[in-house]
Amino acid sequence: MADVTRRMLALLSILQTGRPFSGDELASRLDVSPRTVRRDVDRLREYGYPVETQPGPGGHYRLVAGRTMPPLVLDDDEAIAALLGLATLASSGSGEDGTLDDAATRAYGKLDQFLPARLRPRVAALRASLETDRQLAPAVSAALLAGLAEAISDREVVRFGYSDRHGEQSRRRVEPHRQMHLLQRWYLLGWDLDRDDWRVFRLDRVRDLVRTGVRHSPRALPADAALSYLRQGLNADRRRVRLVVRARPDQVADALKFEDAEIHRGPGDLETQVTVWLDSWEWLILGLAHLDADFSIIEPADFRNAFAAFGRRLLAASGPRTAGTVETAGTEAAGTAEAG
């Protein structure tokens, strides 16, 4: 790719974030002169991109939103990432009409027609090479996510029907603040006006969303991040377990892929620090048994004791068989045989 084309793509990628950039800031990011930035901005305008210029002190360049745009311009890696992202989203859901995964499936088949001609063969080849297995997950509509996103942006109170985990139906008036995705589920963090408290709602249980047009004031979130607050609620009845595993973080993550775990590289070689929330100690055995790596449980103490007791049972099971052990037909009495 010619240097000027690569630079133009980089400039467009920066401007597509939507915020204003000064000429000096763009020049620094692109490692060119302000004069080159001005020329490149002029080229973008010639291609049909609406770049707004604010001259004078405090001046800036900004890509105007809400205008008709030319075909999507992505570099090679971005095009591949977009296609894989759509494929992943399309494979996770219910497959019902109108759901988010249904929309991703439709977009997955249309992406290449919006790309520059030079990228279309690569994207087509990538699509032909892919197969994804469906992971069933609760259905959420793209319209619901978009409607809540607009309400959050406008600080607008919403109303909706909600079914809790016991199937109880209610109507809610909520100040929506964040949408979250965790473990194949979509959630909304909002201030429930009738209960005067923060609540987390499963979006697959939300129905009949209504935007009221009523504005609300911003609120400080109840935790450093909405996901942190969500995890606190999901793990309220679970036990926090800390352990050190003698394996790489990626190997541990693969073994515990179905658990809500925090995984960090430890100070030593092949040492990974793990914090995981579990209903019982047996859930941890299922993942670690397939990892084939040593590990040490730091806390809680009753989990350590349970593992020690289970270890003694395993040792007893691997000891010499008694003379009275029943053998299958065609085998010798195994009084001296040992299980490996």
Foldseek 3Di string as FASTA:
>chain_A
DDPLVVLLQVLVVVQVVFDWDALVRSCVVSVHDSVVVVVSVVVLVVVPFDWDWDDDVVITIHGDPDDDDAFDEDDQVVLVVLLVVLVVLLQEEDCDPQFPNVVSVVCNVVVLVSYPPVNNVVSVVVVVVDDDHHHYAQTAGPVVVVVLVVCQVQQFWKKWWFQDPVRDIDIWIWRWHDWDDDLSWIWTWTQTPVVRGIDIGTRSGTDDMDTDPDHDDDDDDPDPDPVVVVVCVVQVQWDKWKKKWQADQVLLCVLQVNWDKDWDDDPDHSIIIIITTHRDLVVVCNSVVVSPTDMDTPDDPVSVVVVVVVVVVVVVQQDADDQPDDDDPPDDRRRPDTHD
